[in-house]
């Protein structure tokens, strides 16, 4: 119970079991047309964009920052990708790789923009990324001319809707990004540098760590993750919507990070906890729709679950709720000893 992952895993299992109560075949996985299908596969597939954004957000929050612009980066990435392949046809892969290159390029540029504002100019992270949150969505709408842009190019739709080894291709993208992030942060000194900057940036600077470059790096990585997520979302629906694509993803990503046990005060971070947090949010969304809860109260139910998880993770809350009776017994015993 002392583990940061204990309560998130418990909540995730409870949500999945609730689905099983309403749908006896919820955990069943079948092979249809050569692909694995089932509710669990759908949760992983539909949750892939949120997982990617949350992984990038984890490193930003670990430096005591926040990236509110990821939703707008998703919209811009989807718009750029769809616009690049909008006139493509046939099986040529040139438009596909061109779109991927442009999306990665614009995502990195947005990360550099946020990173420079925060690390070099000294703008507060919430203000710096709020600028991109507002302006980025406007840029996405300019790219799509305020319309939903439809794509008729099969290689592009494979990114978010294709399958590899019987599993959705988006799952492999998330696994690759997660592997790279884990390798760089746990097998090298980069993770220690990030935690050090988040704990005390001035002490990190005095100890020889280039805090500015670390901050720039995490914002670039967050932008890259958001761009890839936008590419997956756009290709999954074969269209780009500059107005609604990635809407409120920044809030879901922050919730996933917090649920996973990473403090908003910076310092130690938990990538695996973030993955579980993102799966909780996606599973909760799936549950709300599957059991017939009105979509209008989706956010209310989500907020309640997040509140419960955060309270259960709090040692002070657990001590007051679950340890109250034990504390009273100890107090009575101590009073008896003092009287005697």
C-alpha atoms as a PDB file:
ATOM      1  CA  UNK A   1       0.000   0.000   0.000  1.00  0.00           C
ATOM      2  CA  UNK A   2       2.983   2.314   0.371  1.00  0.00           C
ATOM      3  CA  UNK A   3       3.710   2.049  -3.345  1.00  0.00           C
ATOM      4  CA  UNK A   4       2.665   4.974  -5.538  1.00  0.00           C
ATOM      5  CA  UNK A   5       1.145   2.493  -7.988  1.00  0.00           C
ATOM      6  CA  UNK A   6      -1.003   0.547  -5.507  1.00  0.00           C
ATOM      7  CA  UNK A   7      -4.112   2.715  -5.398  1.00  0.00           C
ATOM      8  CA  UNK A   8      -4.127   3.633  -9.119  1.00  0.00           C
ATOM      9  CA  UNK A   9      -3.965  -0.086  -9.971  1.00  0.00           C
ATOM     10  CA  UNK A  10      -6.787  -0.819  -7.518  1.00  0.00           C
ATOM     11  CA  UNK A  11      -8.988   1.900  -9.039  1.00  0.00           C
ATOM     12  CA  UNK A  12      -8.231   0.680 -12.568  1.00  0.00           C
ATOM     13  CA  UNK A  13      -9.208  -2.884 -11.635  1.00  0.00           C
ATOM     14  CA  UNK A  14     -12.426  -1.655  -9.996  1.00  0.00           C
ATOM     15  CA  UNK A  15     -13.402   0.284 -13.133  1.00  0.00           C
ATOM     16  CA  UNK A  16     -12.729  -2.748 -15.307  1.00  0.00           C
ATOM     17  CA  UNK A  17     -14.746  -5.009 -12.988  1.00  0.00           C
ATOM     18  CA  UNK A  18     -17.680  -2.577 -13.119  1.00  0.00           C
ATOM     19  CA  UNK A  19     -17.649  -3.010 -16.892  1.00  0.00           C
ATOM     20  CA  UNK A  20     -17.656  -6.766 -16.432  1.00  0.00           C
ATOM     21  CA  UNK A  21     -20.803  -6.474 -14.293  1.00  0.00           C
ATOM     22  CA  UNK A  22     -22.661  -4.762 -17.154  1.00  0.00           C
ATOM     23  CA  UNK A  23     -21.020  -6.712 -19.973  1.00  0.00           C
ATOM     24  CA  UNK A  24     -20.106 -10.363 -19.353  1.00  0.00           C
ATOM     25  CA  UNK A  25     -17.891 -10.378 -22.460  1.00  0.00           C
ATOM     26  CA  UNK A  26     -15.923  -7.286 -21.485  1.00  0.00           C
ATOM     27  CA  UNK A  27     -12.643  -9.174 -20.942  1.00  0.00           C
ATOM     28  CA  UNK A  28     -13.071 -11.427 -23.965  1.00  0.00           C
ATOM     29  CA  UNK A  29     -10.648 -10.924 -26.858  1.00  0.00           C
ATOM     30  CA  UNK A  30     -11.495 -12.400 -30.247  1.00  0.00           C
ATOM     31  CA  UNK A  31      -9.789 -12.663 -33.604  1.00  0.00           C
ATOM     32  CA  UNK A  32     -11.789 -11.045 -36.411  1.00  0.00           C
ATOM     33  CA  UNK A  33     -10.452 -10.634 -39.928  1.00  0.00           C
ATOM     34  CA  UNK A  34      -6.998 -11.510 -38.625  1.00  0.00           C
ATOM     35  CA  UNK A  35      -7.010  -8.820 -35.904  1.00  0.00           C
ATOM     36  CA  UNK A  36      -7.464  -8.949 -32.142  1.00  0.00           C
ATOM     37  CA  UNK A  37     -10.682  -7.217 -31.100  1.00  0.00           C
ATOM     38  CA  UNK A  38     -12.338  -6.562 -27.765  1.00  0.00           C
ATOM     39  CA  UNK A  39     -13.039  -3.877 -25.195  1.00  0.00           C
ATOM     40  CA  UNK A  40      -9.555  -4.029 -23.695  1.00  0.00           C
ATOM     41  CA  UNK A  41      -7.978  -3.602 -27.133  1.00  0.00           C
ATOM     42  CA  UNK A  42     -10.274  -0.648 -27.790  1.00  0.00           C
ATOM     43  CA  UNK A  43      -9.208   1.017 -24.529  1.00  0.00           C
ATOM     44  CA  UNK A  44      -5.533   0.694 -25.457  1.00  0.00           C
ATOM     45  CA  UNK A  45      -6.156   1.889 -29.010  1.00  0.00           C
ATOM     46  CA  UNK A  46      -8.347   4.873 -28.132  1.00  0.00           C
ATOM     47  CA  UNK A  47      -6.167   5.773 -25.184  1.00  0.00           C
ATOM     48  CA  UNK A  48      -2.947   5.872 -27.249  1.00  0.00           C
ATOM     49  CA  UNK A  49      -3.017   9.664 -27.903  1.00  0.00           C
ATOM     50  CA  UNK A  50      -3.654  10.430 -24.224  1.00  0.00           C
ATOM     51  CA  UNK A  51      -0.887   8.039 -23.195  1.00  0.00           C
ATOM     52  CA  UNK A  52       1.582   9.826 -25.465  1.00  0.00           C
ATOM     53  CA  UNK A  53       0.633  13.302 -24.257  1.00  0.00           C
ATOM     54  CA  UNK A  54       0.748  12.163 -20.622  1.00  0.00           C
ATOM     55  CA  UNK A  55       4.250  10.710 -20.987  1.00  0.00           C
ATOM     56  CA  UNK A  56       5.534  14.042 -22.258  1.00  0.00           C
ATOM     57  CA  UNK A  57       3.569  15.943 -19.618  1.00  0.00           C
ATOM     58  CA  UNK A  58       5.164  13.832 -16.862  1.00  0.00           C
ATOM     59  CA  UNK A  59       8.645  15.132 -17.595  1.00  0.00           C
ATOM     60  CA  UNK A  60       7.419  18.721 -17.781  1.00  0.00           C
ATOM     61  CA  UNK A  61       5.611  18.478 -14.441  1.00  0.00           C
ATOM     62  CA  UNK A  62       8.694  16.818 -12.925  1.00  0.00           C
ATOM     63  CA  UNK A  63      10.532  20.121 -13.537  1.00  0.00           C
ATOM     64  CA  UNK A  64       7.745  21.975 -11.661  1.00  0.00           C
ATOM     65  CA  UNK A  65       6.244  23.158 -14.935  1.00  0.00           C
ATOM     66  CA  UNK A  66       3.130  22.487 -16.982  1.00  0.00           C
ATOM     67  CA  UNK A  67       2.338  22.393 -20.698  1.00  0.00           C
ATOM     68  CA  UNK A  68      -1.138  23.718 -21.456  1.00  0.00           C
ATOM     69  CA  UNK A  69      -0.446  23.874 -25.192  1.00  0.00           C
ATOM     70  CA  UNK A  70      -0.471  20.133 -25.949  1.00  0.00           C
ATOM     71  CA  UNK A  71      -4.113  20.164 -27.056  1.00  0.00           C
ATOM     72  CA  UNK A  72      -3.412  22.900 -29.588  1.00  0.00           C
ATOM     73  CA  UNK A  73      -0.288  21.076 -30.783  1.00  0.00           C
ATOM     74  CA  UNK A  74      -2.474  18.015 -31.397  1.00  0.00           C
ATOM     75  CA  UNK A  75      -4.824  20.151 -33.493  1.00  0.00           C
ATOM     76  CA  UNK A  76      -1.962  21.739 -35.458  1.00  0.00           C
ATOM     77  CA  UNK A  77      -0.235  18.404 -36.059  1.00  0.00           C
ATOM     78  CA  UNK A  78      -3.433  16.808 -37.315  1.00  0.00           C
ATOM     79  CA  UNK A  79      -4.157  19.787 -39.556  1.00  0.00           C
ATOM     80  CA  UNK A  80      -0.646  19.811 -41.056  1.00  0.00           C
ATOM     81  CA  UNK A  81      -0.667  16.053 -41.593  1.00  0.00           C
ATOM     82  CA  UNK A  82      -4.094  16.019 -43.219  1.00  0.00           C
ATOM     83  CA  UNK A  83      -3.325  19.025 -45.395  1.00  0.00           C
ATOM     84  CA  UNK A  84      -0.097  17.427 -46.639  1.00  0.00           C
ATOM     85  CA  UNK A  85      -1.805  14.228 -47.803  1.00  0.00           C
ATOM     86  CA  UNK A  86      -5.159  15.756 -48.756  1.00  0.00           C
ATOM     87  CA  UNK A  87      -4.438  15.501 -52.469  1.00  0.00           C
ATOM     88  CA  UNK A  88      -2.524  12.211 -52.329  1.00  0.00           C
ATOM     89  CA  UNK A  89      -3.793   8.976 -53.793  1.00  0.00           C
ATOM     90  CA  UNK A  90      -2.497   5.526 -54.592  1.00  0.00           C
ATOM     91  CA  UNK A  91       0.097   3.589 -52.639  1.00  0.00           C
ATOM     92  CA  UNK A  92       3.018   6.013 -52.872  1.00  0.00           C
ATOM     93  CA  UNK A  93       4.611   6.582 -49.451  1.00  0.00           C
ATOM     94  CA  UNK A  94       6.223   9.921 -50.310  1.00  0.00           C
ATOM     95  CA  UNK A  95       3.232  12.009 -49.088  1.00  0.00           C
ATOM     96  CA  UNK A  96       3.080   9.921 -45.918  1.00  0.00           C
ATOM     97  CA  UNK A  97       6.721  10.471 -44.934  1.00  0.00           C
ATOM     98  CA  UNK A  98       6.449  14.123 -45.938  1.00  0.00           C
ATOM     99  CA  UNK A  99       3.482  14.523 -43.608  1.00  0.00           C
ATOM    100  CA  UNK A 100       5.283  12.734 -40.771  1.00  0.00           C
ATOM    101  CA  UNK A 101       8.359  14.906 -41.238  1.00  0.00           C
ATOM    102  CA  UNK A 102       6.341  18.125 -41.241  1.00  0.00           C
ATOM    103  CA  UNK A 103       4.359  17.072 -38.176  1.00  0.00           C
ATOM    104  CA  UNK A 104       7.513  16.212 -36.248  1.00  0.00           C
ATOM    105  CA  UNK A 105       9.078  19.492 -37.353  1.00  0.00           C
ATOM    106  CA  UNK A 106       6.178  21.695 -36.245  1.00  0.00           C
ATOM    107  CA  UNK A 107       5.856  19.745 -32.979  1.00  0.00           C
ATOM    108  CA  UNK A 108       9.513  20.266 -32.146  1.00  0.00           C
ATOM    109  CA  UNK A 109       9.195  23.963 -33.016  1.00  0.00           C
ATOM    110  CA  UNK A 110       6.285  24.365 -30.599  1.00  0.00           C
ATOM    111  CA  UNK A 111       8.352  22.646 -27.918  1.00  0.00           C
ATOM    112  CA  UNK A 112      11.292  24.955 -28.606  1.00  0.00           C
ATOM    113  CA  UNK A 113       8.945  27.952 -28.414  1.00  0.00           C
ATOM    114  CA  UNK A 114       7.650  26.922 -24.977  1.00  0.00           C
ATOM    115  CA  UNK A 115      11.099  25.891 -23.789  1.00  0.00           C
ATOM    116  CA  UNK A 116      12.727  29.167 -24.771  1.00  0.00           C
ATOM    117  CA  UNK A 117      10.008  31.215 -23.105  1.00  0.00           C
ATOM    118  CA  UNK A 118      10.333  29.235 -19.874  1.00  0.00           C
ATOM    119  CA  UNK A 119      14.078  28.542 -19.686  1.00  0.00           C
ATOM    120  CA  UNK A 120      15.652  31.534 -21.431  1.00  0.00           C
ATOM    121  CA  UNK A 121      13.193  34.392 -20.992  1.00  0.00           C
ATOM    122  CA  UNK A 122      11.890  33.290 -17.604  1.00  0.00           C
ATOM    123  CA  UNK A 123       8.163  33.341 -18.355  1.00  0.00           C
ATOM    124  CA  UNK A 124       6.062  31.289 -15.941  1.00  0.00           C
ATOM    125  CA  UNK A 125       5.261  27.872 -17.521  1.00  0.00           C
ATOM    126  CA  UNK A 126       1.501  28.270 -17.146  1.00  0.00           C
ATOM    127  CA  UNK A 127       1.624  31.651 -18.930  1.00  0.00           C
ATOM    128  CA  UNK A 128       4.094  30.600 -21.628  1.00  0.00           C
ATOM    129  CA  UNK A 129       2.128  27.501 -22.594  1.00  0.00           C
ATOM    130  CA  UNK A 130      -1.212  29.303 -22.305  1.00  0.00           C
ATOM    131  CA  UNK A 131      -0.042  31.527 -25.173  1.00  0.00           C
ATOM    132  CA  UNK A 132       0.392  28.488 -27.407  1.00  0.00           C
ATOM    133  CA  UNK A 133      -2.863  26.980 -26.129  1.00  0.00           C
ATOM    134  CA  UNK A 134      -4.776  29.961 -27.485  1.00  0.00           C
ATOM    135  CA  UNK A 135      -2.715  30.811 -30.565  1.00  0.00           C
ATOM    136  CA  UNK A 136      -2.079  27.207 -31.620  1.00  0.00           C
ATOM    137  CA  UNK A 137      -5.734  26.351 -32.022  1.00  0.00           C
ATOM    138  CA  UNK A 138      -6.221  29.480 -34.069  1.00  0.00           C
ATOM    139  CA  UNK A 139      -3.344  28.406 -36.322  1.00  0.00           C
ATOM    140  CA  UNK A 140      -4.935  24.966 -36.711  1.00  0.00           C
ATOM    141  CA  UNK A 141      -8.202  26.565 -37.779  1.00  0.00           C
ATOM    142  CA  UNK A 142      -6.357  28.744 -40.274  1.00  0.00           C
ATOM    143  CA  UNK A 143      -4.700  25.654 -41.768  1.00  0.00           C
ATOM    144  CA  UNK A 144      -8.039  23.868 -42.170  1.00  0.00           C
ATOM    145  CA  UNK A 145      -9.835  27.092 -43.129  1.00  0.00           C
ATOM    146  CA  UNK A 146     -12.251  26.479 -40.262  1.00  0.00           C
ATOM    147  CA  UNK A 147     -13.564  23.314 -41.910  1.00  0.00           C
ATOM    148  CA  UNK A 148     -13.196  19.596 -41.235  1.00  0.00           C
ATOM    149  CA  UNK A 149     -10.585  18.375 -43.707  1.00  0.00           C
ATOM    150  CA  UNK A 150     -11.175  14.809 -44.943  1.00  0.00           C
ATOM    151  CA  UNK A 151      -8.383  12.455 -46.021  1.00  0.00           C
ATOM    152  CA  UNK A 152      -8.677   9.701 -48.648  1.00  0.00           C
ATOM    153  CA  UNK A 153      -5.187   8.223 -48.420  1.00  0.00           C
ATOM    154  CA  UNK A 154      -4.863   4.691 -47.035  1.00  0.00           C
ATOM    155  CA  UNK A 155      -1.180   4.814 -45.951  1.00  0.00           C
ATOM    156  CA  UNK A 156      -1.987   7.840 -43.760  1.00  0.00           C
ATOM    157  CA  UNK A 157      -4.967   6.181 -42.089  1.00  0.00           C
ATOM    158  CA  UNK A 158      -2.766   3.187 -41.212  1.00  0.00           C
ATOM    159  CA  UNK A 159      -0.974   5.204 -38.493  1.00  0.00           C
ATOM    160  CA  UNK A 160      -4.033   5.466 -36.275  1.00  0.00           C
ATOM    161  CA  UNK A 161      -6.283   2.805 -37.761  1.00  0.00           C
ATOM    162  CA  UNK A 162      -3.939   0.096 -39.044  1.00  0.00           C
ATOM    163  CA  UNK A 163      -2.808  -3.159 -37.448  1.00  0.00           C
ATOM    164  CA  UNK A 164       0.556  -4.819 -36.935  1.00  0.00           C
ATOM    165  CA  UNK A 165       0.983  -8.333 -35.544  1.00  0.00           C
ATOM    166  CA  UNK A 166      -2.794  -8.444 -34.953  1.00  0.00           C
ATOM    167  CA  UNK A 167      -2.682  -5.346 -32.694  1.00  0.00           C
ATOM    168  CA  UNK A 168      -3.468  -1.674 -33.451  1.00  0.00           C
ATOM    169  CA  UNK A 169      -0.383   0.074 -34.776  1.00  0.00           C
ATOM    170  CA  UNK A 170      -0.896   2.965 -32.360  1.00  0.00           C
ATOM    171  CA  UNK A 171      -0.094   0.648 -29.423  1.00  0.00           C
ATOM    172  CA  UNK A 172       3.361   0.001 -30.873  1.00  0.00           C
ATOM    173  CA  UNK A 173       3.946   3.745 -31.243  1.00  0.00           C
ATOM    174  CA  UNK A 174       3.107   4.309 -27.568  1.00  0.00           C
ATOM    175  CA  UNK A 175       5.289   1.372 -26.527  1.00  0.00           C
ATOM    176  CA  UNK A 176       8.227   2.754 -28.516  1.00  0.00           C
ATOM    177  CA  UNK A 177       7.908   6.253 -27.031  1.00  0.00           C
ATOM    178  CA  UNK A 178       7.508   4.822 -23.534  1.00  0.00           C
ATOM    179  CA  UNK A 179      10.581   2.626 -24.011  1.00  0.00           C
ATOM    180  CA  UNK A 180      12.687   5.571 -25.194  1.00  0.00           C
ATOM    181  CA  UNK A 181      11.491   7.787 -22.323  1.00  0.00           C
ATOM    182  CA  UNK A 182      12.143   5.068 -19.736  1.00  0.00           C
ATOM    183  CA  UNK A 183      15.553   4.281 -21.171  1.00  0.00           C
ATOM    184  CA  UNK A 184      16.683   7.906 -21.205  1.00  0.00           C
ATOM    185  CA  UNK A 185      15.335   8.781 -17.768  1.00  0.00           C
ATOM    186  CA  UNK A 186      16.180   5.592 -15.842  1.00  0.00           C
ATOM    187  CA  UNK A 187      19.278   4.247 -17.558  1.00  0.00           C
ATOM    188  CA  UNK A 188      21.053   7.586 -17.975  1.00  0.00           C
ATOM    189  CA  UNK A 189      21.562  10.646 -15.772  1.00  0.00           C
ATOM    190  CA  UNK A 190      18.853  12.620 -17.593  1.00  0.00           C
ATOM    191  CA  UNK A 191      16.141  11.442 -15.197  1.00  0.00           C
ATOM    192  CA  UNK A 192      18.204  12.514 -12.191  1.00  0.00           C
ATOM    193  CA  UNK A 193      18.838  15.899 -13.793  1.00  0.00           C
ATOM    194  CA  UNK A 194      15.102  16.399 -14.415  1.00  0.00           C
ATOM    195  CA  UNK A 195      14.230  15.533 -10.810  1.00  0.00           C
ATOM    196  CA  UNK A 196      17.016  17.776  -9.544  1.00  0.00           C
ATOM    197  CA  UNK A 197      15.812  20.761 -11.563  1.00  0.00           C
ATOM    198  CA  UNK A 198      12.259  20.164 -10.375  1.00  0.00           C
ATOM    199  CA  UNK A 199      13.327  19.949  -6.744  1.00  0.00           C
ATOM    200  CA  UNK A 200      15.684  22.930  -6.665  1.00  0.00           C
ATOM    201  CA  UNK A 201      16.745  24.567  -9.942  1.00  0.00           C
ATOM    202  CA  UNK A 202      19.186  26.967  -8.287  1.00  0.00           C
ATOM    203  CA  UNK A 203      20.980  24.203  -6.396  1.00  0.00           C
ATOM    204  CA  UNK A 204      21.085  22.184  -9.628  1.00  0.00           C
ATOM    205  CA  UNK A 205      22.723  25.087 -11.424  1.00  0.00           C
ATOM    206  CA  UNK A 206      25.312  25.507  -8.696  1.00  0.00           C
ATOM    207  CA  UNK A 207      26.109  21.795  -8.835  1.00  0.00           C
ATOM    208  CA  UNK A 208      26.938  22.030 -12.540  1.00  0.00           C
ATOM    209  CA  UNK A 209      23.628  20.989 -14.141  1.00  0.00           C
ATOM    210  CA  UNK A 210      22.524  23.138 -17.073  1.00  0.00           C
ATOM    211  CA  UNK A 211      18.970  23.756 -15.863  1.00  0.00           C
ATOM    212  CA  UNK A 212      18.020  25.797 -18.914  1.00  0.00           C
ATOM    213  CA  UNK A 213      18.869  23.009 -21.334  1.00  0.00           C
ATOM    214  CA  UNK A 214      17.003  20.466 -19.214  1.00  0.00           C
ATOM    215  CA  UNK A 215      13.887  22.652 -19.252  1.00  0.00           C
ATOM    216  CA  UNK A 216      14.189  23.171 -22.993  1.00  0.00           C
ATOM    217  CA  UNK A 217      14.560  19.431 -23.548  1.00  0.00           C
ATOM    218  CA  UNK A 218      11.430  18.419 -21.604  1.00  0.00           C
ATOM    219  CA  UNK A 219       9.248  20.967 -23.404  1.00  0.00           C
ATOM    220  CA  UNK A 220      10.559  19.808 -26.784  1.00  0.00           C
ATOM    221  CA  UNK A 221       9.815  16.206 -25.819  1.00  0.00           C
ATOM    222  CA  UNK A 222       6.322  17.160 -24.663  1.00  0.00           C
ATOM    223  CA  UNK A 223       5.652  18.933 -27.950  1.00  0.00           C
ATOM    224  CA  UNK A 224       6.926  15.929 -29.892  1.00  0.00           C
ATOM    225  CA  UNK A 225       4.650  13.559 -27.976  1.00  0.00           C
ATOM    226  CA  UNK A 226       1.671  15.837 -28.600  1.00  0.00           C
ATOM    227  CA  UNK A 227       2.493  16.027 -32.308  1.00  0.00           C
ATOM    228  CA  UNK A 228       2.616  12.242 -32.637  1.00  0.00           C
ATOM    229  CA  UNK A 229      -0.675  12.032 -30.738  1.00  0.00           C
ATOM    230  CA  UNK A 230      -2.217  14.508 -33.183  1.00  0.00           C
ATOM    231  CA  UNK A 231      -1.012  12.402 -36.093  1.00  0.00           C
ATOM    232  CA  UNK A 232      -2.645   9.305 -34.583  1.00  0.00           C
ATOM    233  CA  UNK A 233      -5.934  11.095 -33.897  1.00  0.00           C
ATOM    234  CA  UNK A 234      -6.101  12.620 -37.362  1.00  0.00           C
ATOM    235  CA  UNK A 235      -5.252   9.397 -39.169  1.00  0.00           C
ATOM    236  CA  UNK A 236      -7.680   7.379 -37.030  1.00  0.00           C
ATOM    237  CA  UNK A 237     -10.680   9.418 -38.170  1.00  0.00           C
ATOM    238  CA  UNK A 238      -9.152  10.231 -41.596  1.00  0.00           C
ATOM    239  CA  UNK A 239      -9.767  13.932 -41.068  1.00  0.00           C
ATOM    240  CA  UNK A 240      -8.572  17.056 -39.270  1.00  0.00           C
ATOM    241  CA  UNK A 241     -10.693  19.323 -37.095  1.00  0.00           C
ATOM    242  CA  UNK A 242      -8.821  22.422 -35.983  1.00  0.00           C
ATOM    243  CA  UNK A 243     -11.591  23.377 -33.588  1.00  0.00           C
ATOM    244  CA  UNK A 244     -12.190  20.173 -31.609  1.00  0.00           C
ATOM    245  CA  UNK A 245      -9.124  17.962 -32.120  1.00  0.00           C
ATOM    246  CA  UNK A 246      -7.218  17.538 -28.870  1.00  0.00           C
ATOM    247  CA  UNK A 247      -9.720  19.645 -26.925  1.00  0.00           C
ATOM    248  CA  UNK A 248      -9.084  19.406 -23.143  1.00  0.00           C
ATOM    249  CA  UNK A 249      -6.316  16.853 -23.657  1.00  0.00           C
ATOM    250  CA  UNK A 250      -3.991  19.007 -21.587  1.00  0.00           C
ATOM    251  CA  UNK A 251      -6.278  18.631 -18.566  1.00  0.00           C
ATOM    252  CA  UNK A 252      -6.658  14.873 -18.994  1.00  0.00           C
ATOM    253  CA  UNK A 253      -2.882  14.545 -19.297  1.00  0.00           C
ATOM    254  CA  UNK A 254      -2.308  16.531 -16.094  1.00  0.00           C
ATOM    255  CA  UNK A 255      -4.878  14.357 -14.313  1.00  0.00           C
ATOM    256  CA  UNK A 256      -3.170  11.201 -15.561  1.00  0.00           C
ATOM    257  CA  UNK A 257       0.189  12.411 -14.276  1.00  0.00           C
ATOM    258  CA  UNK A 258      -1.234  13.337 -10.862  1.00  0.00           C
ATOM    259  CA  UNK A 259      -3.137  10.062 -10.559  1.00  0.00           C
ATOM    260  CA  UNK A 260       0.107   8.260 -11.367  1.00  0.00           C
ATOM    261  CA  UNK A 261       1.782   9.724  -8.305  1.00  0.00           C
ATOM    262  CA  UNK A 262       3.869  12.570  -9.741  1.00  0.00           C
ATOM    263  CA  UNK A 263       3.635  15.741  -7.671  1.00  0.00           C
ATOM    264  CA  UNK A 264       2.828  19.083  -9.285  1.00  0.00           C
ATOM    265  CA  UNK A 265       5.569  20.510  -7.070  1.00  0.00           C
ATOM    266  CA  UNK A 266       8.179  18.781  -9.228  1.00  0.00           C
ATOM    267  CA  UNK A 267      10.865  16.289  -8.316  1.00  0.00           C
ATOM    268  CA  UNK A 268      10.371  12.533  -8.521  1.00  0.00           C
ATOM    269  CA  UNK A 269       8.216  11.278 -11.372  1.00  0.00           C
ATOM    270  CA  UNK A 270       6.640   7.928 -12.216  1.00  0.00           C
ATOM    271  CA  UNK A 271       6.206   7.120 -15.910  1.00  0.00           C
ATOM    272  CA  UNK A 272       4.503   3.784 -15.257  1.00  0.00           C
ATOM    273  CA  UNK A 273       2.145   5.502 -12.841  1.00  0.00           C
ATOM    274  CA  UNK A 274       1.284   7.990 -15.573  1.00  0.00           C
ATOM    275  CA  UNK A 275       0.465   5.126 -17.951  1.00  0.00           C
ATOM    276  CA  UNK A 276      -1.892   3.647 -15.362  1.00  0.00           C
ATOM    277  CA  UNK A 277      -3.438   7.070 -14.780  1.00  0.00           C
ATOM    278  CA  UNK A 278      -4.101   7.537 -18.499  1.00  0.00           C
ATOM    279  CA  UNK A 279      -5.634   4.052 -18.687  1.00  0.00           C
ATOM    280  CA  UNK A 280      -7.888   4.927 -15.747  1.00  0.00           C
ATOM    281  CA  UNK A 281      -9.173   8.013 -17.553  1.00  0.00           C
ATOM    282  CA  UNK A 282      -9.735   6.151 -20.828  1.00  0.00           C
ATOM    283  CA  UNK A 283     -11.342   3.167 -19.058  1.00  0.00           C
ATOM    284  CA  UNK A 284     -13.594   5.548 -17.155  1.00  0.00           C
ATOM    285  CA  UNK A 285     -14.676   7.234 -20.391  1.00  0.00           C
ATOM    286  CA  UNK A 286     -15.388   3.830 -21.951  1.00  0.00           C
ATOM    287  CA  UNK A 287     -17.350   2.784 -18.859  1.00  0.00           C
ATOM    288  CA  UNK A 288     -19.502   5.912 -18.876  1.00  0.00           C
ATOM    289  CA  UNK A 289     -20.548   5.338 -22.470  1.00  0.00           C
ATOM    290  CA  UNK A 290     -20.946   1.555 -22.179  1.00  0.00           C
ATOM    291  CA  UNK A 291     -23.246   1.511 -19.130  1.00  0.00           C
ATOM    292  CA  UNK A 292     -25.460   4.282 -20.462  1.00  0.00           C
ATOM    293  CA  UNK A 293     -24.491   7.240 -18.252  1.00  0.00           C
ATOM    294  CA  UNK A 294     -25.471  10.530 -19.866  1.00  0.00           C
ATOM    295  CA  UNK A 295     -22.476  12.105 -21.657  1.00  0.00           C
ATOM    296  CA  UNK A 296     -23.374  15.466 -20.082  1.00  0.00           C
ATOM    297  CA  UNK A 297     -22.126  14.295 -16.680  1.00  0.00           C
ATOM    298  CA  UNK A 298     -18.984  12.653 -18.056  1.00  0.00           C
ATOM    299  CA  UNK A 299     -16.710  15.323 -16.617  1.00  0.00           C
ATOM    300  CA  UNK A 300     -18.447  15.217 -13.224  1.00  0.00           C
ATOM    301  CA  UNK A 301     -17.984  11.453 -12.880  1.00  0.00           C
ATOM    302  CA  UNK A 302     -14.382  11.747 -14.038  1.00  0.00           C
ATOM    303  CA  UNK A 303     -13.683  14.464 -11.477  1.00  0.00           C
ATOM    304  CA  UNK A 304     -15.156  12.368  -8.664  1.00  0.00           C
ATOM    305  CA  UNK A 305     -13.017   9.350  -9.539  1.00  0.00           C
ATOM    306  CA  UNK A 306      -9.880  11.479  -9.799  1.00  0.00           C
ATOM    307  CA  UNK A 307     -10.661  13.023  -6.405  1.00  0.00           C
ATOM    308  CA  UNK A 308     -11.056   9.580  -4.839  1.00  0.00           C
ATOM    309  CA  UNK A 309      -7.743   8.376  -6.278  1.00  0.00           C
ATOM    310  CA  UNK A 310      -5.895  11.480  -5.098  1.00  0.00           C
ATOM    311  CA  UNK A 311      -7.359  11.172  -1.601  1.00  0.00           C
ATOM    312  CA  UNK A 312      -6.418   7.509  -1.372  1.00  0.00           C
ATOM    313  CA  UNK A 313      -2.870   8.376  -2.428  1.00  0.00           C
ATOM    314  CA  UNK A 314      -2.556  10.962   0.340  1.00  0.00           C
ATOM    315  CA  UNK A 315      -0.814   9.521   3.442  1.00  0.00           C
ATOM    316  CA  UNK A 316      -2.468  12.193   5.623  1.00  0.00           C
ATOM    317  CA  UNK A 317      -5.945  11.263   4.374  1.00  0.00           C
ATOM    318  CA  UNK A 318      -5.369   7.534   4.851  1.00  0.00           C
ATOM    319  CA  UNK A 319      -4.013   8.185   8.323  1.00  0.00           C
ATOM    320  CA  UNK A 320      -7.069  10.209   9.325  1.00  0.00           C
ATOM    321  CA  UNK A 321      -9.646   7.859   7.787  1.00  0.00           C
ATOM    322  CA  UNK A 322      -8.154   4.393   8.202  1.00  0.00           C
ATOM    323  CA  UNK A 323      -5.834   5.040  11.110  1.00  0.00           C
ATOM    324  CA  UNK A 324      -8.226   6.968  13.318  1.00  0.00           C
ATOM    325  CA  UNK A 325      -9.297   4.041  15.444  1.00  0.00           C
ATOM    326  CA  UNK A 326      -5.725   2.805  15.868  1.00  0.00           C
ATOM    327  CA  UNK A 327      -4.568   6.247  16.929  1.00  0.00           C
ATOM    328  CA  UNK A 328      -7.330   6.479  19.532  1.00  0.00           C
ATOM    329  CA  UNK A 329      -6.402   3.087  20.989  1.00  0.00           C
ATOM    330  CA  UNK A 330      -2.751   4.058  21.257  1.00  0.00           C
ATOM    331  CA  UNK A 331      -3.720   7.344  22.888  1.00  0.00           C
ATOM    332  CA  UNK A 332      -5.880   5.587  25.492  1.00  0.00           C
ATOM    333  CA  UNK A 333      -3.114   3.112  26.280  1.00  0.00           C
ATOM    334  CA  UNK A 334      -0.607   5.912  26.736  1.00  0.00           C
ATOM    335  CA  UNK A 335      -3.004   7.776  29.038  1.00  0.00           C
ATOM    336  CA  UNK A 336      -3.429   4.624  31.147  1.00  0.00           C
ATOM    337  CA  UNK A 337       0.308   4.190  31.469  1.00  0.00           C
ATOM    338  CA  UNK A 338       0.825   7.807  32.469  1.00  0.00           C
ATOM    339  CA  UNK A 339      -1.905   7.632  35.162  1.00  0.00           C
ATOM    340  CA  UNK A 340      -0.451   4.460  36.697  1.00  0.00           C
END
